[in-house]
């Protein structure tokens, strides 16, 4: 299909599980938001954002269940959601209900079960990842975690995510194995969100984990990055049951 330059997750999801990841291209926004900014909270022209979101309708079965993402661990059932609930993950077992997560360095995580009966989208910024949003989402889904597979979408990579010792300490306090996901960088640390997400998923019994090879910070031609640019747009990652 000609149109938006979308990324299709490369994972062995069941045929009725559909997923898409946007890039920064294909929309109408200008300046620092060029061009497919889908965030309505970043001071972009609201008409541009609305037009960009309308472009997605050709690819989706229904209006996405947008969230007010707050870097927490609340998970909602997207099929029962009110408008713009404050949460950082959603799941669905109902067909044509589109779960969505919005990012510009934070890690988007998609989940589905091997039978194709449940899907989820997770906004795993470092705070929510540290506090257990992946675990909370797996627990909310009505299938055993051992039956899940995961796809890790574009996020800030391990050579760009510089943090202080306090962030490393918070992760290690939650899970000692997180130590291996940090390397010293002067008086700071470089953190690997992908590695931490894999650790957390594997601890739940999720054996099939895919994606995790892109870096939003170091690919300015393809992705928005808040850490790199400050004022910038947002990409989105969608998943639904057909």
C-alpha atoms as a PDB file:
ATOM      1  CA  UNK A   1       0.000   0.000   0.000  1.00  0.00           C
ATOM      2  CA  UNK A   2       1.448   3.331  -1.005  1.00  0.00           C
ATOM      3  CA  UNK A   3       1.233   6.072   1.568  1.00  0.00           C
ATOM      4  CA  UNK A   4       2.774   6.570   4.966  1.00  0.00           C
ATOM      5  CA  UNK A   5       6.272   5.091   5.484  1.00  0.00           C
ATOM      6  CA  UNK A   6       5.312   2.801   8.356  1.00  0.00           C
ATOM      7  CA  UNK A   7       7.368   0.125  10.086  1.00  0.00           C
ATOM      8  CA  UNK A   8       5.753  -3.296  10.344  1.00  0.00           C
ATOM      9  CA  UNK A   9       7.066  -5.221  13.365  1.00  0.00           C
ATOM     10  CA  UNK A  10       9.187  -8.199  12.398  1.00  0.00           C
ATOM     11  CA  UNK A  11       7.877 -10.904  14.719  1.00  0.00           C
ATOM     12  CA  UNK A  12       5.971 -14.178  14.287  1.00  0.00           C
ATOM     13  CA  UNK A  13       2.665 -12.849  15.582  1.00  0.00           C
ATOM     14  CA  UNK A  14      -0.510 -14.743  14.600  1.00  0.00           C
ATOM     15  CA  UNK A  15      -2.025 -13.557  11.292  1.00  0.00           C
ATOM     16  CA  UNK A  16      -4.956 -11.834  13.023  1.00  0.00           C
ATOM     17  CA  UNK A  17      -2.610  -9.653  15.119  1.00  0.00           C
ATOM     18  CA  UNK A  18      -1.862  -6.413  13.294  1.00  0.00           C
ATOM     19  CA  UNK A  19       0.749  -3.861  14.355  1.00  0.00           C
ATOM     20  CA  UNK A  20       2.319  -0.708  12.939  1.00  0.00           C
ATOM     21  CA  UNK A  21       4.949   1.829  14.015  1.00  0.00           C
ATOM     22  CA  UNK A  22       5.060   5.324  12.531  1.00  0.00           C
ATOM     23  CA  UNK A  23       8.199   7.271  11.625  1.00  0.00           C
ATOM     24  CA  UNK A  24       8.525  11.045  11.483  1.00  0.00           C
ATOM     25  CA  UNK A  25       7.624  11.110   7.768  1.00  0.00           C
ATOM     26  CA  UNK A  26       4.432  11.408   5.751  1.00  0.00           C
ATOM     27  CA  UNK A  27       2.513  14.160   7.550  1.00  0.00           C
ATOM     28  CA  UNK A  28       1.785  17.867   7.294  1.00  0.00           C
ATOM     29  CA  UNK A  29       3.490  19.312  10.385  1.00  0.00           C
ATOM     30  CA  UNK A  30       6.341  21.754   9.840  1.00  0.00           C
ATOM     31  CA  UNK A  31       9.480  22.986  11.587  1.00  0.00           C
ATOM     32  CA  UNK A  32      10.668  20.895  14.526  1.00  0.00           C
ATOM     33  CA  UNK A  33       7.502  18.790  14.227  1.00  0.00           C
ATOM     34  CA  UNK A  34       8.078  17.801  10.595  1.00  0.00           C
ATOM     35  CA  UNK A  35       6.245  15.985   9.479  1.00  0.00           C
ATOM     36  CA  UNK A  36       4.088  13.181  10.929  1.00  0.00           C
ATOM     37  CA  UNK A  37       3.801  14.477  14.501  1.00  0.00           C
ATOM     38  CA  UNK A  38       0.991  12.614  16.241  1.00  0.00           C
ATOM     39  CA  UNK A  39       1.363  14.218  19.674  1.00  0.00           C
ATOM     40  CA  UNK A  40      -1.315  16.740  20.600  1.00  0.00           C
ATOM     41  CA  UNK A  41       0.556  17.937  23.718  1.00  0.00           C
ATOM     42  CA  UNK A  42       3.796  19.275  22.179  1.00  0.00           C
ATOM     43  CA  UNK A  43       2.768  22.783  21.016  1.00  0.00           C
ATOM     44  CA  UNK A  44       2.365  21.759  17.386  1.00  0.00           C
ATOM     45  CA  UNK A  45      -0.504  23.305  15.390  1.00  0.00           C
ATOM     46  CA  UNK A  46      -3.600  21.361  16.503  1.00  0.00           C
ATOM     47  CA  UNK A  47      -4.991  21.294  12.963  1.00  0.00           C
ATOM     48  CA  UNK A  48      -1.761  19.723  11.733  1.00  0.00           C
ATOM     49  CA  UNK A  49      -1.939  17.056  14.437  1.00  0.00           C
ATOM     50  CA  UNK A  50      -5.576  16.338  13.574  1.00  0.00           C
ATOM     51  CA  UNK A  51      -4.687  16.031   9.892  1.00  0.00           C
ATOM     52  CA  UNK A  52      -1.793  13.703  10.692  1.00  0.00           C
ATOM     53  CA  UNK A  53      -4.016  11.492  12.830  1.00  0.00           C
ATOM     54  CA  UNK A  54      -6.607  11.433  10.059  1.00  0.00           C
ATOM     55  CA  UNK A  55      -3.963  10.022   7.700  1.00  0.00           C
ATOM     56  CA  UNK A  56      -3.780   6.957   9.936  1.00  0.00           C
ATOM     57  CA  UNK A  57      -7.416   6.056   9.332  1.00  0.00           C
ATOM     58  CA  UNK A  58      -6.516   4.331   6.069  1.00  0.00           C
ATOM     59  CA  UNK A  59      -4.464   1.796   8.023  1.00  0.00           C
ATOM     60  CA  UNK A  60      -6.540   1.257  11.170  1.00  0.00           C
ATOM     61  CA  UNK A  61      -9.939  -0.414  11.752  1.00  0.00           C
ATOM     62  CA  UNK A  62     -11.062   2.190  14.300  1.00  0.00           C
ATOM     63  CA  UNK A  63      -9.972   5.307  16.155  1.00  0.00           C
ATOM     64  CA  UNK A  64      -7.041   4.415  18.439  1.00  0.00           C
ATOM     65  CA  UNK A  65      -7.694   4.433  22.172  1.00  0.00           C
ATOM     66  CA  UNK A  66      -5.398   7.366  22.986  1.00  0.00           C
ATOM     67  CA  UNK A  67      -3.972   7.606  26.501  1.00  0.00           C
ATOM     68  CA  UNK A  68      -2.786  10.456  28.685  1.00  0.00           C
ATOM     69  CA  UNK A  69       0.647   8.951  29.351  1.00  0.00           C
ATOM     70  CA  UNK A  70       2.021   9.847  32.790  1.00  0.00           C
ATOM     71  CA  UNK A  71       5.111   7.599  33.191  1.00  0.00           C
ATOM     72  CA  UNK A  72       3.265   5.310  35.580  1.00  0.00           C
ATOM     73  CA  UNK A  73       2.217   1.669  35.670  1.00  0.00           C
ATOM     74  CA  UNK A  74      -1.566   1.844  35.237  1.00  0.00           C
ATOM     75  CA  UNK A  75      -2.954  -0.532  32.609  1.00  0.00           C
ATOM     76  CA  UNK A  76      -6.436  -0.242  31.109  1.00  0.00           C
ATOM     77  CA  UNK A  77      -8.680  -2.456  29.006  1.00  0.00           C
ATOM     78  CA  UNK A  78      -8.848  -0.410  25.815  1.00  0.00           C
ATOM     79  CA  UNK A  79     -12.284  -1.779  24.931  1.00  0.00           C
ATOM     80  CA  UNK A  80     -13.696  -0.324  28.148  1.00  0.00           C
ATOM     81  CA  UNK A  81     -11.707   2.917  28.126  1.00  0.00           C
ATOM     82  CA  UNK A  82     -13.030   6.396  28.648  1.00  0.00           C
ATOM     83  CA  UNK A  83     -11.513   9.199  26.580  1.00  0.00           C
ATOM     84  CA  UNK A  84      -7.841   9.925  27.284  1.00  0.00           C
ATOM     85  CA  UNK A  85      -7.490   7.958  30.505  1.00  0.00           C
ATOM     86  CA  UNK A  86      -4.268   8.516  32.440  1.00  0.00           C
ATOM     87  CA  UNK A  87      -2.380   5.272  31.915  1.00  0.00           C
ATOM     88  CA  UNK A  88       0.789   3.993  30.284  1.00  0.00           C
ATOM     89  CA  UNK A  89      -0.421   0.703  28.851  1.00  0.00           C
ATOM     90  CA  UNK A  90      -3.574  -0.802  27.406  1.00  0.00           C
ATOM     91  CA  UNK A  91      -4.645  -4.266  26.335  1.00  0.00           C
ATOM     92  CA  UNK A  92      -7.571  -5.719  24.423  1.00  0.00           C
ATOM     93  CA  UNK A  93      -9.179  -9.061  23.714  1.00  0.00           C
ATOM     94  CA  UNK A  94     -11.833  -7.488  21.495  1.00  0.00           C
ATOM     95  CA  UNK A  95     -11.441  -7.305  17.727  1.00  0.00           C
ATOM     96  CA  UNK A  96     -10.850  -3.938  15.996  1.00  0.00           C
ATOM     97  CA  UNK A  97      -9.926  -2.146  19.240  1.00  0.00           C
ATOM     98  CA  UNK A  98      -6.645  -0.324  18.596  1.00  0.00           C
ATOM     99  CA  UNK A  99      -4.161  -0.078  21.478  1.00  0.00           C
ATOM    100  CA  UNK A 100      -1.591   2.676  21.053  1.00  0.00           C
ATOM    101  CA  UNK A 101       1.528   4.056  22.689  1.00  0.00           C
ATOM    102  CA  UNK A 102       3.186   7.387  21.840  1.00  0.00           C
ATOM    103  CA  UNK A 103       6.942   7.896  22.098  1.00  0.00           C
ATOM    104  CA  UNK A 104       9.957  10.007  21.166  1.00  0.00           C
ATOM    105  CA  UNK A 105      12.769   8.103  22.999  1.00  0.00           C
ATOM    106  CA  UNK A 106      10.712   6.071  25.480  1.00  0.00           C
ATOM    107  CA  UNK A 107      10.410   2.391  24.645  1.00  0.00           C
ATOM    108  CA  UNK A 108       7.233   1.140  22.956  1.00  0.00           C
ATOM    109  CA  UNK A 109       6.550  -2.513  23.819  1.00  0.00           C
ATOM    110  CA  UNK A 110       3.920  -4.569  22.015  1.00  0.00           C
ATOM    111  CA  UNK A 111       2.616  -7.854  23.383  1.00  0.00           C
ATOM    112  CA  UNK A 112       0.403 -10.563  21.937  1.00  0.00           C
ATOM    113  CA  UNK A 113      -0.286 -14.165  22.837  1.00  0.00           C
ATOM    114  CA  UNK A 114       0.610 -17.078  20.583  1.00  0.00           C
ATOM    115  CA  UNK A 115      -3.059 -17.886  19.989  1.00  0.00           C
ATOM    116  CA  UNK A 116      -3.914 -14.352  18.862  1.00  0.00           C
ATOM    117  CA  UNK A 117      -6.542 -13.691  21.539  1.00  0.00           C
ATOM    118  CA  UNK A 118      -4.993 -10.705  23.343  1.00  0.00           C
ATOM    119  CA  UNK A 119      -2.774  -7.726  22.504  1.00  0.00           C
ATOM    120  CA  UNK A 120      -1.217  -4.858  24.443  1.00  0.00           C
ATOM    121  CA  UNK A 121       0.753  -1.662  23.877  1.00  0.00           C
ATOM    122  CA  UNK A 122       3.082  -0.325  26.579  1.00  0.00           C
ATOM    123  CA  UNK A 123       4.694   3.096  27.020  1.00  0.00           C
ATOM    124  CA  UNK A 124       7.919   2.084  28.780  1.00  0.00           C
ATOM    125  CA  UNK A 125       9.776   5.255  29.618  1.00  0.00           C
ATOM    126  CA  UNK A 126      12.563   4.640  32.100  1.00  0.00           C
ATOM    127  CA  UNK A 127      10.398   5.478  35.115  1.00  0.00           C
ATOM    128  CA  UNK A 128       7.518   3.222  34.157  1.00  0.00           C
ATOM    129  CA  UNK A 129       9.866   0.461  33.016  1.00  0.00           C
ATOM    130  CA  UNK A 130      11.689   0.658  36.346  1.00  0.00           C
ATOM    131  CA  UNK A 131       8.461   0.668  38.359  1.00  0.00           C
ATOM    132  CA  UNK A 132       7.017  -2.378  36.594  1.00  0.00           C
ATOM    133  CA  UNK A 133       4.716  -1.331  33.748  1.00  0.00           C
ATOM    134  CA  UNK A 134       5.720  -4.404  31.723  1.00  0.00           C
ATOM    135  CA  UNK A 135       4.895  -6.708  34.626  1.00  0.00           C
ATOM    136  CA  UNK A 136       1.622  -4.883  35.311  1.00  0.00           C
ATOM    137  CA  UNK A 137       0.549  -5.242  31.688  1.00  0.00           C
ATOM    138  CA  UNK A 138       1.346  -8.942  31.542  1.00  0.00           C
ATOM    139  CA  UNK A 139      -0.612  -9.431  34.776  1.00  0.00           C
ATOM    140  CA  UNK A 140      -3.628  -7.571  33.378  1.00  0.00           C
ATOM    141  CA  UNK A 141      -3.831  -9.693  30.244  1.00  0.00           C
ATOM    142  CA  UNK A 142      -6.105 -12.765  30.517  1.00  0.00           C
ATOM    143  CA  UNK A 143      -3.438 -15.171  29.259  1.00  0.00           C
ATOM    144  CA  UNK A 144      -0.355 -16.673  30.941  1.00  0.00           C
ATOM    145  CA  UNK A 145       2.805 -14.625  30.449  1.00  0.00           C
ATOM    146  CA  UNK A 146       4.526 -17.760  29.146  1.00  0.00           C
ATOM    147  CA  UNK A 147       2.212 -17.606  26.116  1.00  0.00           C
ATOM    148  CA  UNK A 148       3.164 -14.019  25.256  1.00  0.00           C
ATOM    149  CA  UNK A 149       5.585 -12.687  22.688  1.00  0.00           C
ATOM    150  CA  UNK A 150       6.967  -9.157  22.624  1.00  0.00           C
ATOM    151  CA  UNK A 151       8.220  -6.626  20.088  1.00  0.00           C
ATOM    152  CA  UNK A 152      10.417  -3.745  21.218  1.00  0.00           C
ATOM    153  CA  UNK A 153       9.952  -0.667  19.050  1.00  0.00           C
ATOM    154  CA  UNK A 154      12.285   2.271  18.336  1.00  0.00           C
ATOM    155  CA  UNK A 155      13.672   3.886  21.490  1.00  0.00           C
ATOM    156  CA  UNK A 156      16.769   5.750  22.640  1.00  0.00           C
ATOM    157  CA  UNK A 157      19.642   3.316  22.249  1.00  0.00           C
ATOM    158  CA  UNK A 158      22.289   2.098  24.693  1.00  0.00           C
ATOM    159  CA  UNK A 159      24.966   4.469  23.381  1.00  0.00           C
ATOM    160  CA  UNK A 160      22.760   7.559  23.818  1.00  0.00           C
ATOM    161  CA  UNK A 161      20.714   7.083  26.994  1.00  0.00           C
ATOM    162  CA  UNK A 162      22.947   8.831  29.535  1.00  0.00           C
ATOM    163  CA  UNK A 163      21.713   8.910  33.144  1.00  0.00           C
ATOM    164  CA  UNK A 164      22.975   9.671  36.622  1.00  0.00           C
ATOM    165  CA  UNK A 165      23.940   7.119  39.233  1.00  0.00           C
ATOM    166  CA  UNK A 166      20.555   7.572  40.924  1.00  0.00           C
ATOM    167  CA  UNK A 167      18.688   6.190  37.907  1.00  0.00           C
ATOM    168  CA  UNK A 168      20.967   3.144  37.755  1.00  0.00           C
ATOM    169  CA  UNK A 169      20.467   2.640  41.496  1.00  0.00           C
ATOM    170  CA  UNK A 170      16.673   2.739  41.115  1.00  0.00           C
ATOM    171  CA  UNK A 171      16.746   0.005  38.478  1.00  0.00           C
ATOM    172  CA  UNK A 172      19.114  -2.160  40.502  1.00  0.00           C
ATOM    173  CA  UNK A 173      16.954  -1.748  43.596  1.00  0.00           C
ATOM    174  CA  UNK A 174      14.059  -3.234  41.642  1.00  0.00           C
ATOM    175  CA  UNK A 175      16.088  -5.971  39.935  1.00  0.00           C
ATOM    176  CA  UNK A 176      19.769  -6.676  40.607  1.00  0.00           C
ATOM    177  CA  UNK A 177      20.360  -8.047  37.102  1.00  0.00           C
ATOM    178  CA  UNK A 178      19.828  -4.512  35.739  1.00  0.00           C
ATOM    179  CA  UNK A 179      23.474  -3.839  36.656  1.00  0.00           C
ATOM    180  CA  UNK A 180      24.530  -5.523  33.415  1.00  0.00           C
ATOM    181  CA  UNK A 181      22.466  -3.004  31.407  1.00  0.00           C
ATOM    182  CA  UNK A 182      24.600  -0.017  32.437  1.00  0.00           C
ATOM    183  CA  UNK A 183      28.131   0.975  31.496  1.00  0.00           C
ATOM    184  CA  UNK A 184      30.170   3.800  32.974  1.00  0.00           C
ATOM    185  CA  UNK A 185      30.490   6.993  30.937  1.00  0.00           C
ATOM    186  CA  UNK A 186      32.627   9.450  32.913  1.00  0.00           C
ATOM    187  CA  UNK A 187      30.656  10.339  36.025  1.00  0.00           C
ATOM    188  CA  UNK A 188      27.442   9.215  34.306  1.00  0.00           C
ATOM    189  CA  UNK A 189      26.092   5.906  33.050  1.00  0.00           C
ATOM    190  CA  UNK A 190      24.800   4.708  29.699  1.00  0.00           C
ATOM    191  CA  UNK A 191      21.643   2.641  30.128  1.00  0.00           C
ATOM    192  CA  UNK A 192      20.242  -0.008  27.803  1.00  0.00           C
ATOM    193  CA  UNK A 193      16.431   0.141  27.962  1.00  0.00           C
ATOM    194  CA  UNK A 194      16.174  -2.738  25.505  1.00  0.00           C
ATOM    195  CA  UNK A 195      18.286  -4.985  27.710  1.00  0.00           C
ATOM    196  CA  UNK A 196      16.276  -4.101  30.806  1.00  0.00           C
ATOM    197  CA  UNK A 197      12.986  -4.765  29.012  1.00  0.00           C
ATOM    198  CA  UNK A 198      14.284  -8.155  27.871  1.00  0.00           C
ATOM    199  CA  UNK A 199      15.335  -8.995  31.435  1.00  0.00           C
ATOM    200  CA  UNK A 200      11.925  -8.088  32.793  1.00  0.00           C
ATOM    201  CA  UNK A 201      10.089 -10.026  30.075  1.00  0.00           C
ATOM    202  CA  UNK A 202      12.272 -13.104  30.491  1.00  0.00           C
ATOM    203  CA  UNK A 203      11.707 -13.031  34.248  1.00  0.00           C
ATOM    204  CA  UNK A 204       7.973 -13.255  33.505  1.00  0.00           C
ATOM    205  CA  UNK A 205       8.523 -16.291  31.302  1.00  0.00           C
ATOM    206  CA  UNK A 206       8.277 -14.487  27.955  1.00  0.00           C
ATOM    207  CA  UNK A 207      10.726 -16.327  25.709  1.00  0.00           C
ATOM    208  CA  UNK A 208       9.891 -14.780  22.326  1.00  0.00           C
ATOM    209  CA  UNK A 209      11.250 -11.216  22.270  1.00  0.00           C
ATOM    210  CA  UNK A 210      11.886  -9.356  19.017  1.00  0.00           C
ATOM    211  CA  UNK A 211      12.914  -5.890  17.839  1.00  0.00           C
ATOM    212  CA  UNK A 212      15.107  -3.583  19.863  1.00  0.00           C
ATOM    213  CA  UNK A 213      17.650  -2.638  17.226  1.00  0.00           C
ATOM    214  CA  UNK A 214      16.862   1.004  16.479  1.00  0.00           C
ATOM    215  CA  UNK A 215      17.917   4.235  18.192  1.00  0.00           C
ATOM    216  CA  UNK A 216      15.630   7.244  18.026  1.00  0.00           C
ATOM    217  CA  UNK A 217      18.393   9.580  19.202  1.00  0.00           C
ATOM    218  CA  UNK A 218      20.914   8.608  16.515  1.00  0.00           C
ATOM    219  CA  UNK A 219      18.483   8.335  13.591  1.00  0.00           C
ATOM    220  CA  UNK A 220      17.211  11.934  13.180  1.00  0.00           C
ATOM    221  CA  UNK A 221      16.254  11.283   9.558  1.00  0.00           C
ATOM    222  CA  UNK A 222      13.705   8.663  10.665  1.00  0.00           C
ATOM    223  CA  UNK A 223      12.623   9.321  14.259  1.00  0.00           C
ATOM    224  CA  UNK A 224      11.686  12.105  16.636  1.00  0.00           C
ATOM    225  CA  UNK A 225      13.857  12.267  19.779  1.00  0.00           C
ATOM    226  CA  UNK A 226      13.024  14.382  22.812  1.00  0.00           C
ATOM    227  CA  UNK A 227      16.468  13.861  24.334  1.00  0.00           C
ATOM    228  CA  UNK A 228      18.131  15.040  21.118  1.00  0.00           C
ATOM    229  CA  UNK A 229      15.879  17.936  20.116  1.00  0.00           C
ATOM    230  CA  UNK A 230      13.715  19.044  23.055  1.00  0.00           C
ATOM    231  CA  UNK A 231      10.798  20.522  21.117  1.00  0.00           C
ATOM    232  CA  UNK A 232       9.869  17.737  18.724  1.00  0.00           C
ATOM    233  CA  UNK A 233       7.065  15.480  17.572  1.00  0.00           C
ATOM    234  CA  UNK A 234       5.889  12.035  18.641  1.00  0.00           C
ATOM    235  CA  UNK A 235       5.671   8.676  16.891  1.00  0.00           C
ATOM    236  CA  UNK A 236       3.062   6.067  17.714  1.00  0.00           C
ATOM    237  CA  UNK A 237       2.953   2.289  17.829  1.00  0.00           C
ATOM    238  CA  UNK A 238      -0.353   0.473  17.274  1.00  0.00           C
ATOM    239  CA  UNK A 239      -1.610  -3.059  17.809  1.00  0.00           C
ATOM    240  CA  UNK A 240      -5.036  -4.670  17.375  1.00  0.00           C
ATOM    241  CA  UNK A 241      -6.840  -7.932  16.709  1.00  0.00           C
ATOM    242  CA  UNK A 242      -8.344  -8.260  13.249  1.00  0.00           C
END
